[in-house]
Amino acid sequence: LGQWLDIWLEEYVRREVKPLTFKTYQEQCNNHLKPSLGAVRLSALNAHSIQTMYNKLETGTKEKPGLSPKTIKNIHGVLHKALAKAEELHYIPFNPSAACTLPRMERKEIKPLEESTIADFLGALEKERFQNLFLVTLFTGMREGEILGLTWGCVDFEQGTVTVSQQLQKEKNGDYYFIS
């Protein structure tokens, strides 16, 4: 499986996804999938082995706490895609990850700020250098990368609209780049 994951990432994923997505897939493979199942022959991989890995990731160990259901779902998504490609290429007869049960995710209720909190926040922003940045963030709900990716070309003052067409991302080495 470990060899297949490397091939899949390089030959089928790298040019199809954004750099940050590729890096995330690569980290899921290197940090979770390969250490647990990398030595298993692709043809011998079964749903029970995969399910056992998911269960261990959820419960954790003495040294490492368990992972959130969302993180396990993301790991499953990467493995499922890699095995779907292996199935498509007839390396395996079926995708064993399809039979696995993922931990239940509980949705957290979104609690908007109270009016008094918004008023306090707006008061604290007076004379703040990045006041406009905070105001746009507060009233649009844009994510950090979306806000930082805005340029003047994204703003239409006549229509009163802002178009999010790119994000600013930061590499671990400190370099910044835009993605569309």
N, C-alpha and C. Protein backbone atom coordinates (compact mmCIF):
# COMPACT_ATOMS: atom_id res chain seq x y z
N LEU A 1 0.83 -1.20 0.00
CA LEU A 1 0.00 0.00 0.00
C LEU A 1 0.87 1.26 0.00
N GLY A 2 1.95 1.21 0.79
CA GLY A 2 2.81 2.40 0.87
C GLY A 2 3.37 2.79 -0.49
N GLN A 3 3.80 1.79 -1.26
CA GLN A 3 4.33 2.07 -2.61
C GLN A 3 3.23 2.62 -3.51
N TRP A 4 2.04 2.05 -3.42
CA TRP A 4 0.93 2.53 -4.25
C TRP A 4 0.58 3.98 -3.89
N LEU A 5 0.56 4.31 -2.60
CA LEU A 5 0.24 5.68 -2.20
C LEU A 5 1.24 6.67 -2.80
N ASP A 6 2.52 6.30 -2.80
CA ASP A 6 3.54 7.18 -3.40
C ASP A 6 3.30 7.36 -4.89
N ILE A 7 3.01 6.26 -5.59
CA ILE A 7 2.74 6.33 -7.03
C ILE A 7 1.49 7.16 -7.29
N TRP A 8 0.44 6.88 -6.55
CA TRP A 8 -0.82 7.59 -6.72
C TRP A 8 -0.64 9.10 -6.53
N LEU A 9 0.07 9.48 -5.47
CA LEU A 9 0.30 10.91 -5.22
C LEU A 9 1.04 11.57 -6.37
N GLU A 10 2.11 10.95 -6.83
CA GLU A 10 2.95 11.57 -7.87
C GLU A 10 2.32 11.53 -9.25
N GLU A 11 1.73 10.41 -9.61
CA GLU A 11 1.25 10.23 -10.98
C GLU A 11 -0.19 10.67 -11.21
N TYR A 12 -1.02 10.63 -10.17
CA TYR A 12 -2.44 10.88 -10.38
C TYR A 12 -2.98 12.08 -9.60
N VAL A 13 -2.24 12.56 -8.62
CA VAL A 13 -2.78 13.63 -7.77
C VAL A 13 -2.04 14.95 -7.95
N ARG A 14 -0.73 14.92 -8.00
CA ARG A 14 0.08 16.15 -7.94
C ARG A 14 -0.40 17.23 -8.90
N ARG A 15 -0.67 16.91 -10.15
CA ARG A 15 -1.04 17.93 -11.14
C ARG A 15 -2.54 18.20 -11.18
N GLU A 16 -3.31 17.47 -10.39
CA GLU A 16 -4.76 17.62 -10.42
C GLU A 16 -5.33 18.47 -9.30
N VAL A 17 -4.55 18.70 -8.25
CA VAL A 17 -5.06 19.45 -7.09
C VAL A 17 -4.15 20.63 -6.80
N LYS A 18 -4.64 21.53 -5.97
CA LYS A 18 -3.86 22.69 -5.56
C LYS A 18 -2.70 22.24 -4.68
N PRO A 19 -1.62 23.02 -4.63
CA PRO A 19 -0.44 22.63 -3.85
C PRO A 19 -0.74 22.32 -2.39
N LEU A 20 -1.58 23.12 -1.76
CA LEU A 20 -1.88 22.87 -0.35
C LEU A 20 -2.66 21.57 -0.17
N THR A 21 -3.57 21.27 -1.09
CA THR A 21 -4.31 20.01 -1.05
C THR A 21 -3.36 18.84 -1.23
N PHE A 22 -2.44 18.96 -2.17
CA PHE A 22 -1.46 17.89 -2.37
C PHE A 22 -0.65 17.65 -1.11
N LYS A 23 -0.21 18.72 -0.50
CA LYS A 23 0.59 18.62 0.73
C LYS A 23 -0.22 17.94 1.83
N THR A 24 -1.49 18.27 1.93
CA THR A 24 -2.36 17.66 2.94
C THR A 24 -2.51 16.16 2.68
N TYR A 25 -2.75 15.78 1.42
CA TYR A 25 -2.86 14.36 1.08
C TYR A 25 -1.55 13.63 1.44
N GLN A 26 -0.45 14.25 1.09
CA GLN A 26 0.86 13.66 1.35
C GLN A 26 1.07 13.46 2.86
N GLU A 27 0.70 14.45 3.65
CA GLU A 27 0.84 14.34 5.10
C GLU A 27 -0.06 13.25 5.67
N GLN A 28 -1.29 13.13 5.15
CA GLN A 28 -2.19 12.06 5.62
C GLN A 28 -1.57 10.69 5.33
N CYS A 29 -0.99 10.56 4.14
CA CYS A 29 -0.34 9.29 3.78
C CYS A 29 0.86 9.01 4.66
N ASN A 30 1.74 9.98 4.80
CA ASN A 30 2.98 9.78 5.54
C ASN A 30 2.79 9.66 7.05
N ASN A 31 1.84 10.40 7.60
CA ASN A 31 1.65 10.42 9.05
C ASN A 31 0.73 9.33 9.57
N HIS A 32 -0.21 8.87 8.74
CA HIS A 32 -1.22 7.94 9.25
C HIS A 32 -1.33 6.65 8.45
N LEU A 33 -1.48 6.76 7.14
CA LEU A 33 -1.75 5.57 6.34
C LEU A 33 -0.53 4.65 6.20
N LYS A 34 0.62 5.21 5.83
CA LYS A 34 1.80 4.38 5.63
C LYS A 34 2.31 3.76 6.93
N PRO A 35 2.35 4.51 8.05
CA PRO A 35 2.80 3.85 9.29
C PRO A 35 1.89 2.69 9.73
N SER A 36 0.60 2.80 9.49
CA SER A 36 -0.35 1.78 9.93
C SER A 36 -0.49 0.63 8.94
N LEU A 37 -0.60 0.98 7.66
CA LEU A 37 -0.94 -0.03 6.65
C LEU A 37 0.04 -0.09 5.48
N GLY A 38 1.08 0.71 5.52
CA GLY A 38 1.99 0.82 4.38
C GLY A 38 2.65 -0.48 3.97
N ALA A 39 2.88 -1.38 4.91
CA ALA A 39 3.57 -2.64 4.60
C ALA A 39 2.62 -3.72 4.09
N VAL A 40 1.32 -3.47 4.15
CA VAL A 40 0.33 -4.46 3.70
C VAL A 40 0.30 -4.48 2.18
N ARG A 41 0.33 -5.70 1.62
CA ARG A 41 0.21 -5.84 0.16
C ARG A 41 -1.14 -5.27 -0.28
N LEU A 42 -1.14 -4.54 -1.35
CA LEU A 42 -2.37 -3.93 -1.85
C LEU A 42 -3.46 -4.98 -2.04
N SER A 43 -3.09 -6.12 -2.58
CA SER A 43 -4.06 -7.19 -2.83
C SER A 43 -4.57 -7.84 -1.54
N ALA A 44 -3.83 -7.68 -0.44
CA ALA A 44 -4.23 -8.29 0.84
C ALA A 44 -4.98 -7.31 1.74
N LEU A 45 -5.07 -6.06 1.35
CA LEU A 45 -5.73 -5.04 2.17
C LEU A 45 -7.22 -5.35 2.27
N ASN A 46 -7.75 -5.28 3.47
CA ASN A 46 -9.17 -5.58 3.64
C ASN A 46 -9.83 -4.54 4.55
N ALA A 47 -11.16 -4.54 4.53
CA ALA A 47 -11.93 -3.56 5.29
C ALA A 47 -11.65 -3.66 6.78
N HIS A 48 -11.48 -4.87 7.29
CA HIS A 48 -11.24 -5.04 8.72
C HIS A 48 -9.94 -4.35 9.16
N SER A 49 -8.88 -4.50 8.38
CA SER A 49 -7.60 -3.84 8.71
C SER A 49 -7.74 -2.32 8.70
N ILE A 50 -8.46 -1.82 7.71
CA ILE A 50 -8.65 -0.38 7.61
C ILE A 50 -9.51 0.12 8.78
N GLN A 51 -10.58 -0.62 9.10
CA GLN A 51 -11.45 -0.25 10.21
C GLN A 51 -10.68 -0.23 11.52
N THR A 52 -9.82 -1.23 11.72
CA THR A 52 -8.99 -1.29 12.94
C THR A 52 -8.10 -0.06 13.03
N MET A 53 -7.52 0.36 11.90
CA MET A 53 -6.68 1.57 11.89
C MET A 53 -7.51 2.79 12.29
N TYR A 54 -8.71 2.94 11.70
CA TYR A 54 -9.56 4.08 12.04
C TYR A 54 -9.90 4.08 13.53
N ASN A 55 -10.23 2.93 14.07
CA ASN A 55 -10.59 2.83 15.49
C ASN A 55 -9.42 3.21 16.38
N LYS A 56 -8.21 2.78 16.01
CA LYS A 56 -7.01 3.12 16.80
C LYS A 56 -6.70 4.62 16.69
N LEU A 57 -6.91 5.17 15.51
CA LEU A 57 -6.69 6.61 15.35
C LEU A 57 -7.65 7.41 16.22
N GLU A 58 -8.87 6.90 16.36
CA GLU A 58 -9.87 7.61 17.16
C GLU A 58 -9.57 7.51 18.66
N THR A 59 -9.19 6.34 19.13
CA THR A 59 -8.95 6.17 20.57
C THR A 59 -7.58 6.67 21.00
N GLY A 60 -6.59 6.61 20.11
CA GLY A 60 -5.26 7.08 20.45
C GLY A 60 -4.50 6.09 21.31
N THR A 61 -3.36 6.55 21.83
CA THR A 61 -2.51 5.74 22.70
C THR A 61 -2.09 6.57 23.89
N LYS A 62 -1.29 5.98 24.77
CA LYS A 62 -0.77 6.74 25.92
C LYS A 62 0.08 7.91 25.44
N GLU A 63 0.85 7.68 24.38
CA GLU A 63 1.75 8.71 23.86
C GLU A 63 1.05 9.74 22.98
N LYS A 64 0.01 9.30 22.29
CA LYS A 64 -0.65 10.17 21.32
C LYS A 64 -2.15 10.18 21.55
N PRO A 65 -2.75 11.37 21.69
CA PRO A 65 -4.21 11.42 21.87
C PRO A 65 -4.93 11.00 20.59
N GLY A 66 -6.18 10.62 20.72
CA GLY A 66 -6.98 10.23 19.56
C GLY A 66 -7.25 11.42 18.65
N LEU A 67 -7.56 11.09 17.41
CA LEU A 67 -7.87 12.12 16.42
C LEU A 67 -9.36 12.39 16.39
N SER A 68 -9.73 13.56 15.92
CA SER A 68 -11.14 13.93 15.83
C SER A 68 -11.81 13.13 14.71
N PRO A 69 -13.13 12.96 14.80
CA PRO A 69 -13.85 12.29 13.71
C PRO A 69 -13.64 12.97 12.36
N LYS A 70 -13.54 14.29 12.33
CA LYS A 70 -13.31 15.02 11.08
C LYS A 70 -11.96 14.66 10.48
N THR A 71 -10.93 14.56 11.31
CA THR A 71 -9.60 14.21 10.82
C THR A 71 -9.61 12.79 10.27
N ILE A 72 -10.29 11.88 10.95
CA ILE A 72 -10.37 10.49 10.48
C ILE A 72 -11.14 10.44 9.17
N LYS A 73 -12.17 11.24 9.04
CA LYS A 73 -12.92 11.30 7.78
C LYS A 73 -12.01 11.79 6.65
N ASN A 74 -11.16 12.76 6.93
CA ASN A 74 -10.22 13.27 5.92
C ASN A 74 -9.21 12.19 5.51
N ILE A 75 -8.70 11.45 6.50
CA ILE A 75 -7.76 10.36 6.21
C ILE A 75 -8.45 9.31 5.35
N HIS A 76 -9.68 8.98 5.72
CA HIS A 76 -10.47 8.01 4.95
C HIS A 76 -10.66 8.50 3.51
N GLY A 77 -10.93 9.79 3.34
CA GLY A 77 -11.13 10.34 2.00
C GLY A 77 -9.91 10.14 1.11
N VAL A 78 -8.73 10.36 1.68
CA VAL A 78 -7.49 10.18 0.91
C VAL A 78 -7.32 8.71 0.56
N LEU A 79 -7.46 7.82 1.55
CA LEU A 79 -7.30 6.39 1.29
C LEU A 79 -8.33 5.89 0.28
N HIS A 80 -9.57 6.34 0.45
CA HIS A 80 -10.64 5.90 -0.45
C HIS A 80 -10.35 6.29 -1.90
N LYS A 81 -9.86 7.52 -2.10
CA LYS A 81 -9.52 7.98 -3.45
C LYS A 81 -8.37 7.18 -4.04
N ALA A 82 -7.36 6.92 -3.23
CA ALA A 82 -6.20 6.15 -3.71
C ALA A 82 -6.62 4.73 -4.10
N LEU A 83 -7.47 4.12 -3.28
CA LEU A 83 -7.92 2.76 -3.57
C LEU A 83 -8.93 2.73 -4.73
N ALA A 84 -9.70 3.79 -4.90
CA ALA A 84 -10.61 3.86 -6.04
C ALA A 84 -9.82 3.87 -7.34
N LYS A 85 -8.69 4.59 -7.36
CA LYS A 85 -7.84 4.62 -8.55
C LYS A 85 -7.22 3.24 -8.78
N ALA A 86 -6.81 2.57 -7.71
CA ALA A 86 -6.25 1.21 -7.83
C ALA A 86 -7.30 0.25 -8.38
N GLU A 87 -8.53 0.42 -7.95
CA GLU A 87 -9.63 -0.41 -8.46
C GLU A 87 -9.88 -0.11 -9.94
N GLU A 88 -9.88 1.16 -10.29
CA GLU A 88 -10.09 1.57 -11.69
C GLU A 88 -9.03 0.97 -12.61
N LEU A 89 -7.80 0.87 -12.09
CA LEU A 89 -6.68 0.32 -12.87
C LEU A 89 -6.61 -1.20 -12.78
N HIS A 90 -7.58 -1.81 -12.09
CA HIS A 90 -7.67 -3.26 -11.91
C HIS A 90 -6.50 -3.84 -11.11
N TYR A 91 -5.92 -3.03 -10.21
CA TYR A 91 -4.91 -3.54 -9.29
C TYR A 91 -5.58 -4.30 -8.15
N ILE A 92 -6.81 -3.91 -7.83
CA ILE A 92 -7.61 -4.60 -6.82
C ILE A 92 -9.02 -4.77 -7.37
N PRO A 93 -9.73 -5.81 -6.94
CA PRO A 93 -11.06 -6.05 -7.51
C PRO A 93 -12.14 -5.10 -6.98
N PHE A 94 -11.96 -4.57 -5.77
CA PHE A 94 -12.93 -3.66 -5.17
C PHE A 94 -12.19 -2.79 -4.16
N ASN A 95 -12.86 -1.74 -3.73
CA ASN A 95 -12.27 -0.79 -2.78
C ASN A 95 -12.67 -1.20 -1.36
N PRO A 96 -11.75 -1.78 -0.58
CA PRO A 96 -12.10 -2.24 0.76
C PRO A 96 -12.46 -1.12 1.73
N SER A 97 -12.06 0.10 1.45
CA SER A 97 -12.37 1.20 2.38
C SER A 97 -13.85 1.57 2.33
N ALA A 98 -14.54 1.16 1.27
CA ALA A 98 -15.95 1.51 1.12
C ALA A 98 -16.82 0.87 2.20
N ALA A 99 -16.37 -0.24 2.76
CA ALA A 99 -17.17 -0.96 3.76
C ALA A 99 -16.91 -0.48 5.19
N CYS A 100 -16.04 0.49 5.37
CA CYS A 100 -15.68 0.94 6.72
C CYS A 100 -16.72 1.91 7.28
N THR A 101 -16.81 1.91 8.60
CA THR A 101 -17.70 2.82 9.31
C THR A 101 -16.86 3.89 9.97
N LEU A 102 -17.16 5.12 9.68
CA LEU A 102 -16.40 6.24 10.24
C LEU A 102 -17.02 6.71 11.54
N PRO A 103 -16.21 7.29 12.43
CA PRO A 103 -16.78 7.82 13.67
C PRO A 103 -17.80 8.91 13.38
N ARG A 104 -18.79 8.98 14.23
CA ARG A 104 -19.85 9.97 14.05
C ARG A 104 -19.34 11.36 14.35
N MET A 105 -19.64 12.28 13.46
CA MET A 105 -19.24 13.67 13.67
C MET A 105 -20.41 14.44 14.24
N GLU A 106 -20.15 15.18 15.28
CA GLU A 106 -21.19 16.02 15.87
C GLU A 106 -20.96 17.45 15.41
N ARG A 107 -22.00 18.02 14.87
CA ARG A 107 -21.90 19.40 14.41
C ARG A 107 -22.01 20.34 15.60
N LYS A 108 -21.05 21.26 15.63
CA LYS A 108 -21.09 22.26 16.69
C LYS A 108 -21.99 23.40 16.25
N GLU A 109 -22.79 23.86 17.18
CA GLU A 109 -23.69 24.97 16.88
C GLU A 109 -22.87 26.24 16.70
N ILE A 110 -23.17 26.96 15.63
CA ILE A 110 -22.50 28.23 15.38
C ILE A 110 -23.21 29.30 16.19
N LYS A 111 -22.44 30.00 17.00
CA LYS A 111 -23.02 31.04 17.84
C LYS A 111 -22.48 32.40 17.38
N PRO A 112 -23.32 33.18 16.72
CA PRO A 112 -22.87 34.50 16.30
C PRO A 112 -22.62 35.40 17.51
N LEU A 113 -21.83 36.41 17.29
CA LEU A 113 -21.54 37.34 18.38
C LEU A 113 -22.80 38.08 18.79
N GLU A 114 -22.89 38.36 20.07
CA GLU A 114 -24.01 39.16 20.59
C GLU A 114 -23.82 40.61 20.14
N GLU A 115 -24.92 41.35 20.07
CA GLU A 115 -24.85 42.75 19.65
C GLU A 115 -23.91 43.56 20.53
N SER A 116 -23.94 43.31 21.83
CA SER A 116 -23.07 44.06 22.75
C SER A 116 -21.59 43.72 22.49
N THR A 117 -21.31 42.47 22.16
CA THR A 117 -19.93 42.06 21.87
C THR A 117 -19.47 42.72 20.57
N ILE A 118 -20.35 42.77 19.58
CA ILE A 118 -20.01 43.43 18.32
C ILE A 118 -19.73 44.91 18.57
N ALA A 119 -20.56 45.54 19.37
CA ALA A 119 -20.36 46.97 19.69
C ALA A 119 -19.02 47.18 20.39
N ASP A 120 -18.68 46.32 21.35
CA ASP A 120 -17.39 46.42 22.05
C ASP A 120 -16.23 46.24 21.07
N PHE A 121 -16.38 45.28 20.17
CA PHE A 121 -15.34 45.00 19.18
C PHE A 121 -15.15 46.20 18.27
N LEU A 122 -16.26 46.76 17.78
CA LEU A 122 -16.17 47.93 16.90
C LEU A 122 -15.53 49.11 17.63
N GLY A 123 -15.86 49.27 18.91
CA GLY A 123 -15.24 50.34 19.70
C GLY A 123 -13.75 50.14 19.84
N ALA A 124 -13.33 48.90 20.01
CA ALA A 124 -11.90 48.61 20.17
C ALA A 124 -11.14 48.81 18.86
N LEU A 125 -11.85 48.78 17.73
CA LEU A 125 -11.20 48.94 16.43
C LEU A 125 -10.89 50.38 16.07
N GLU A 126 -11.50 51.32 16.77
CA GLU A 126 -11.28 52.72 16.42
C GLU A 126 -9.79 53.03 16.45
N LYS A 127 -9.35 53.70 15.39
CA LYS A 127 -7.95 54.09 15.22
C LYS A 127 -7.01 52.89 15.06
N GLU A 128 -7.57 51.70 14.87
CA GLU A 128 -6.76 50.50 14.63
C GLU A 128 -6.29 50.54 13.17
N ARG A 129 -5.04 50.21 12.95
CA ARG A 129 -4.45 50.27 11.61
C ARG A 129 -5.20 49.36 10.62
N PHE A 130 -5.63 48.20 11.08
CA PHE A 130 -6.29 47.23 10.20
C PHE A 130 -7.81 47.19 10.43
N GLN A 131 -8.37 48.33 10.79
CA GLN A 131 -9.80 48.41 11.09
C GLN A 131 -10.64 47.89 9.93
N ASN A 132 -10.36 48.34 8.72
CA ASN A 132 -11.17 47.91 7.57
C ASN A 132 -11.07 46.41 7.33
N LEU A 133 -9.90 45.86 7.50
CA LEU A 133 -9.72 44.42 7.36
C LEU A 133 -10.61 43.66 8.35
N PHE A 134 -10.60 44.08 9.60
CA PHE A 134 -11.42 43.43 10.61
C PHE A 134 -12.91 43.61 10.33
N LEU A 135 -13.30 44.79 9.85
CA LEU A 135 -14.71 45.04 9.55
C LEU A 135 -15.21 44.14 8.42
N VAL A 136 -14.42 44.04 7.36
CA VAL A 136 -14.81 43.18 6.24
C VAL A 136 -14.91 41.73 6.71
N THR A 137 -13.96 41.30 7.52
CA THR A 137 -13.99 39.93 8.05
C THR A 137 -15.22 39.71 8.91
N LEU A 138 -15.50 40.63 9.79
CA LEU A 138 -16.63 40.51 10.71
C LEU A 138 -17.96 40.41 9.97
N PHE A 139 -18.14 41.26 8.96
CA PHE A 139 -19.44 41.34 8.32
C PHE A 139 -19.62 40.46 7.09
N THR A 140 -18.55 39.81 6.63
CA THR A 140 -18.69 38.90 5.48
C THR A 140 -18.55 37.44 5.89
N GLY A 141 -17.83 37.17 6.95
CA GLY A 141 -17.60 35.79 7.35
C GLY A 141 -16.52 35.10 6.53
N MET A 142 -15.75 35.88 5.78
CA MET A 142 -14.68 35.29 4.97
C MET A 142 -13.62 34.68 5.87
N ARG A 143 -12.96 33.67 5.34
CA ARG A 143 -11.85 33.04 6.04
C ARG A 143 -10.60 33.90 5.89
N GLU A 144 -9.62 33.63 6.74
CA GLU A 144 -8.38 34.41 6.73
C GLU A 144 -7.72 34.44 5.36
N GLY A 145 -7.55 33.27 4.73
CA GLY A 145 -6.90 33.21 3.42
C GLY A 145 -7.66 33.97 2.35
N GLU A 146 -9.01 33.96 2.46
CA GLU A 146 -9.84 34.69 1.49
C GLU A 146 -9.68 36.20 1.67
N ILE A 147 -9.72 36.65 2.92
CA ILE A 147 -9.55 38.08 3.20
C ILE A 147 -8.18 38.57 2.72
N LEU A 148 -7.14 37.80 3.05
CA LEU A 148 -5.79 38.22 2.69
C LEU A 148 -5.51 38.09 1.20
N GLY A 149 -6.36 37.34 0.49
CA GLY A 149 -6.21 37.20 -0.95
C GLY A 149 -6.93 38.27 -1.75
N LEU A 150 -7.68 39.14 -1.08
CA LEU A 150 -8.40 40.20 -1.78
C LEU A 150 -7.44 41.24 -2.36
N THR A 151 -7.74 41.67 -3.56
CA THR A 151 -7.02 42.78 -4.19
C THR A 151 -8.06 43.81 -4.59
N TRP A 152 -7.62 44.99 -5.02
CA TRP A 152 -8.58 46.02 -5.42
C TRP A 152 -9.44 45.55 -6.59
N GLY A 153 -8.90 44.68 -7.43
CA GLY A 153 -9.66 44.16 -8.56
C GLY A 153 -10.85 43.30 -8.14
N CYS A 154 -10.86 42.86 -6.90
CA CYS A 154 -11.97 42.03 -6.38
C CYS A 154 -13.13 42.88 -5.90
N VAL A 155 -12.93 44.19 -5.79
CA VAL A 155 -13.95 45.08 -5.23
C VAL A 155 -14.62 45.87 -6.35
N ASP A 156 -15.94 45.79 -6.39
CA ASP A 156 -16.73 46.56 -7.35
C ASP A 156 -17.54 47.57 -6.54
N PHE A 157 -17.04 48.82 -6.48
CA PHE A 157 -17.70 49.85 -5.67
C PHE A 157 -19.06 50.25 -6.24
N GLU A 158 -19.20 50.20 -7.58
CA GLU A 158 -20.48 50.57 -8.19
C GLU A 158 -21.58 49.58 -7.84
N GLN A 159 -21.26 48.29 -7.89
CA GLN A 159 -22.24 47.25 -7.58
C GLN A 159 -22.32 46.95 -6.08
N GLY A 160 -21.30 47.41 -5.35
CA GLY A 160 -21.25 47.14 -3.91
C GLY A 160 -20.96 45.68 -3.61
N THR A 161 -20.08 45.06 -4.43
CA THR A 161 -19.77 43.64 -4.26
C THR A 161 -18.28 43.41 -4.09
N VAL A 162 -17.98 42.30 -3.46
CA VAL A 162 -16.60 41.82 -3.33
C VAL A 162 -16.60 40.39 -3.86
N THR A 163 -15.68 40.10 -4.78
CA THR A 163 -15.58 38.77 -5.36
C THR A 163 -14.36 38.05 -4.80
N VAL A 164 -14.58 36.88 -4.26
CA VAL A 164 -13.47 36.07 -3.74
C VAL A 164 -13.03 35.14 -4.87
N SER A 165 -11.88 35.42 -5.45
CA SER A 165 -11.40 34.61 -6.57
C SER A 165 -10.06 33.96 -6.29
N GLN A 166 -9.46 34.27 -5.14
CA GLN A 166 -8.18 33.66 -4.78
C GLN A 166 -7.99 33.72 -3.27
N GLN A 167 -7.05 32.93 -2.80
CA GLN A 167 -6.70 32.91 -1.39
C GLN A 167 -5.20 33.10 -1.26
N LEU A 168 -4.78 33.66 -0.16
CA LEU A 168 -3.36 33.75 0.14
C LEU A 168 -3.04 32.60 1.09
N GLN A 169 -2.09 31.77 0.71
CA GLN A 169 -1.69 30.62 1.53
C GLN A 169 -0.24 30.81 1.95
N LYS A 170 0.11 30.21 3.08
CA LYS A 170 1.47 30.29 3.59
C LYS A 170 2.07 28.90 3.67
N GLU A 171 3.25 28.75 3.09
CA GLU A 171 4.00 27.49 3.18
C GLU A 171 4.61 27.38 4.58
N LYS A 172 4.97 26.17 4.97
CA LYS A 172 5.61 25.98 6.27
C LYS A 172 6.96 26.69 6.33
N ASN A 173 7.60 26.88 5.17
CA ASN A 173 8.90 27.57 5.15
C ASN A 173 8.77 29.09 5.21
N GLY A 174 7.51 29.58 5.28
CA GLY A 174 7.28 31.02 5.42
C GLY A 174 6.95 31.74 4.12
N ASP A 175 7.06 31.05 2.97
CA ASP A 175 6.73 31.68 1.69
C ASP A 175 5.22 31.79 1.55
N TYR A 176 4.76 32.84 0.88
CA TYR A 176 3.34 33.05 0.62
C TYR A 176 3.09 32.89 -0.88
N TYR A 177 1.87 32.42 -1.21
CA TYR A 177 1.49 32.32 -2.62
C TYR A 177 -0.03 32.39 -2.72
N PHE A 178 -0.51 32.81 -3.90
CA PHE A 178 -1.94 32.90 -4.16
C PHE A 178 -2.40 31.62 -4.85
N ILE A 179 -3.60 31.16 -4.48
CA ILE A 179 -4.22 30.05 -5.20
C ILE A 179 -5.62 30.49 -5.63
N SER A 180 -6.04 30.06 -6.79
CA SER A 180 -7.35 30.42 -7.31
C SER A 180 -8.37 29.37 -6.95
